[in-house]
Amino acid sequence: MPDTEEEVTADGITGRYYETDTERVLTFDRDGTTAAVAQNVEGYAMLKVRPTPDGDELERYYGFDMALDHAAELLGVAPSTLPVPDDAADMGM
């Protein structure tokens, strides 16, 4: 069960942030299409973009903006439309 969880919905997209024992995870859902951005729980490693929270890693990024660009591409939306919960705002290196 996640220690921390926060969810925000805007423009038909739900952004959900949670932490597991090993990762900080930010997921996005738009009409059943998903994208996930994950980082180690310490918050200093590169960000991994996946199609789902447990899916295979597609790419790694140093910057949060680049990871969000990729997540938005997976959802077919502009990066500026992704609702990022406050707890996830400091992800990236």
C-alpha atoms as a PDB file:
ATOM      1  CA  MET A   1       0.000   0.000   0.000  1.00  0.00           C
ATOM      2  CA  PRO A   2       1.394   3.435  -0.924  1.00  0.00           C
ATOM      3  CA  ASP A   3       2.710   5.613   1.896  1.00  0.00           C
ATOM      4  CA  THR A   4       1.787   8.836   0.094  1.00  0.00           C
ATOM      5  CA  GLU A   5      -0.919   9.331  -2.502  1.00  0.00           C
ATOM      6  CA  GLU A   6      -2.336  12.369  -4.288  1.00  0.00           C
ATOM      7  CA  GLU A   7      -4.655  12.605  -7.296  1.00  0.00           C
ATOM      8  CA  VAL A   8      -5.627  15.510  -9.562  1.00  0.00           C
ATOM      9  CA  THR A   9      -7.981  15.504 -12.567  1.00  0.00           C
ATOM     10  CA  ALA A  10      -8.144  18.148 -15.288  1.00  0.00           C
ATOM     11  CA  ASP A  11      -9.209  18.171 -18.943  1.00  0.00           C
ATOM     12  CA  GLY A  12     -10.226  14.501 -18.782  1.00  0.00           C
ATOM     13  CA  ILE A  13      -6.793  13.372 -17.544  1.00  0.00           C
ATOM     14  CA  THR A  14      -6.128  12.025 -14.068  1.00  0.00           C
ATOM     15  CA  GLY A  15      -2.652  12.430 -12.594  1.00  0.00           C
ATOM     16  CA  ARG A  16      -1.935  10.206  -9.600  1.00  0.00           C
ATOM     17  CA  TYR A  17       1.212  10.299  -7.471  1.00  0.00           C
ATOM     18  CA  TYR A  18       2.154   7.626  -4.970  1.00  0.00           C
ATOM     19  CA  GLU A  19       5.198   6.088  -3.348  1.00  0.00           C
ATOM     20  CA  THR A  20       6.071   2.432  -2.941  1.00  0.00           C
ATOM     21  CA  ASP A  21       8.920   0.938  -0.928  1.00  0.00           C
ATOM     22  CA  THR A  22      11.262   1.482  -3.892  1.00  0.00           C
ATOM     23  CA  GLU A  23       9.804   4.156  -6.198  1.00  0.00           C
ATOM     24  CA  ARG A  24       8.033   7.461  -6.541  1.00  0.00           C
ATOM     25  CA  VAL A  25       5.404   6.953  -9.250  1.00  0.00           C
ATOM     26  CA  LEU A  26       3.362   9.464 -11.244  1.00  0.00           C
ATOM     27  CA  THR A  27       0.673   7.977 -13.462  1.00  0.00           C
ATOM     28  CA  PHE A  28      -1.634   9.560 -15.987  1.00  0.00           C
ATOM     29  CA  ASP A  29      -4.885   8.114 -17.303  1.00  0.00           C
ATOM     30  CA  ARG A  30      -6.859   9.472 -20.227  1.00  0.00           C
ATOM     31  CA  ASP A  31      -9.862   7.393 -21.253  1.00  0.00           C
ATOM     32  CA  GLY A  32      -8.067   4.156 -20.350  1.00  0.00           C
ATOM     33  CA  THR A  33      -4.777   5.087 -22.013  1.00  0.00           C
ATOM     34  CA  THR A  34      -2.005   5.342 -19.440  1.00  0.00           C
ATOM     35  CA  ALA A  35       1.530   6.607 -19.001  1.00  0.00           C
ATOM     36  CA  ALA A  36       3.777   6.468 -15.952  1.00  0.00           C
ATOM     37  CA  VAL A  37       6.878   8.288 -14.757  1.00  0.00           C
ATOM     38  CA  ALA A  38       8.914   6.617 -12.003  1.00  0.00           C
ATOM     39  CA  GLN A  39      11.974   7.523  -9.950  1.00  0.00           C
ATOM     40  CA  ASN A  40      13.734   5.810  -7.076  1.00  0.00           C
ATOM     41  CA  VAL A  41      12.268   6.603  -3.683  1.00  0.00           C
ATOM     42  CA  GLU A  42      15.331   8.653  -2.709  1.00  0.00           C
ATOM     43  CA  GLY A  43      14.503  10.996  -5.598  1.00  0.00           C
ATOM     44  CA  TYR A  44      17.938  11.319  -7.193  1.00  0.00           C
ATOM     45  CA  ALA A  45      17.912   8.860 -10.119  1.00  0.00           C
ATOM     46  CA  MET A  46      16.822   9.375 -13.702  1.00  0.00           C
ATOM     47  CA  LEU A  47      13.112   9.267 -14.455  1.00  0.00           C
ATOM     48  CA  LYS A  48      11.758   6.174 -16.192  1.00  0.00           C
ATOM     49  CA  VAL A  49       8.820   6.517 -18.574  1.00  0.00           C
ATOM     50  CA  ARG A  50       6.580   3.465 -18.914  1.00  0.00           C
ATOM     51  CA  PRO A  51       3.238   2.795 -20.602  1.00  0.00           C
ATOM     52  CA  THR A  52       1.881   1.583 -17.215  1.00  0.00           C
ATOM     53  CA  PRO A  53       3.230   1.753 -13.639  1.00  0.00           C
ATOM     54  CA  ASP A  54       4.525  -1.824 -13.868  1.00  0.00           C
ATOM     55  CA  GLY A  55       5.239  -1.828 -17.604  1.00  0.00           C
ATOM     56  CA  ASP A  56       8.565  -2.074 -19.368  1.00  0.00           C
ATOM     57  CA  GLU A  57      10.694   1.053 -19.344  1.00  0.00           C
ATOM     58  CA  LEU A  58      10.493   2.953 -22.625  1.00  0.00           C
ATOM     59  CA  GLU A  59      13.061   5.684 -21.947  1.00  0.00           C
ATOM     60  CA  ARG A  60      14.987   7.458 -19.167  1.00  0.00           C
ATOM     61  CA  TYR A  61      15.301  11.191 -18.680  1.00  0.00           C
ATOM     62  CA  TYR A  62      17.194  13.507 -16.333  1.00  0.00           C
ATOM     63  CA  GLY A  63      14.616  16.264 -16.562  1.00  0.00           C
ATOM     64  CA  PHE A  64      11.011  16.139 -15.434  1.00  0.00           C
ATOM     65  CA  ASP A  65       9.867  18.257 -18.394  1.00  0.00           C
ATOM     66  CA  MET A  66      11.281  15.753 -20.889  1.00  0.00           C
ATOM     67  CA  ALA A  67       9.638  12.845 -19.075  1.00  0.00           C
ATOM     68  CA  LEU A  68       6.316  14.710 -19.090  1.00  0.00           C
ATOM     69  CA  ASP A  69       6.711  15.383 -22.825  1.00  0.00           C
ATOM     70  CA  HIS A  70       7.074  11.640 -23.432  1.00  0.00           C
ATOM     71  CA  ALA A  71       4.128  10.790 -21.151  1.00  0.00           C
ATOM     72  CA  ALA A  72       1.972  13.344 -22.968  1.00  0.00           C
ATOM     73  CA  GLU A  73       2.992  11.842 -26.303  1.00  0.00           C
ATOM     74  CA  LEU A  74       1.857   8.404 -25.093  1.00  0.00           C
ATOM     75  CA  LEU A  75      -1.528   9.917 -24.191  1.00  0.00           C
ATOM     76  CA  GLY A  76      -1.814  11.990 -27.372  1.00  0.00           C
ATOM     77  CA  VAL A  77      -2.054  15.326 -25.539  1.00  0.00           C
ATOM     78  CA  ALA A  78       0.013  18.462 -25.032  1.00  0.00           C
ATOM     79  CA  PRO A  79       2.379  18.306 -22.035  1.00  0.00           C
ATOM     80  CA  SER A  80       0.777  21.435 -20.580  1.00  0.00           C
ATOM     81  CA  THR A  81      -2.514  19.556 -20.126  1.00  0.00           C
ATOM     82  CA  LEU A  82      -1.040  16.944 -17.768  1.00  0.00           C
ATOM     83  CA  PRO A  83      -2.276  17.500 -14.208  1.00  0.00           C
ATOM     84  CA  VAL A  84       0.748  17.030 -11.916  1.00  0.00           C
ATOM     85  CA  PRO A  85      -0.034  16.552  -8.222  1.00  0.00           C
ATOM     86  CA  ASP A  86       1.974  18.862  -5.948  1.00  0.00           C
ATOM     87  CA  ASP A  87       3.894  15.970  -4.337  1.00  0.00           C
ATOM     88  CA  ALA A  88       5.288  15.016  -7.769  1.00  0.00           C
ATOM     89  CA  ALA A  89       6.429  18.514  -8.770  1.00  0.00           C
ATOM     90  CA  ASP A  90      10.029  17.947  -7.586  1.00  0.00           C
ATOM     91  CA  MET A  91      10.674  14.768  -9.589  1.00  0.00           C
ATOM     92  CA  GLY A  92      13.751  14.743 -11.814  1.00  0.00           C
ATOM     93  CA  MET A  93      17.406  15.487 -11.270  1.00  0.00           C
END
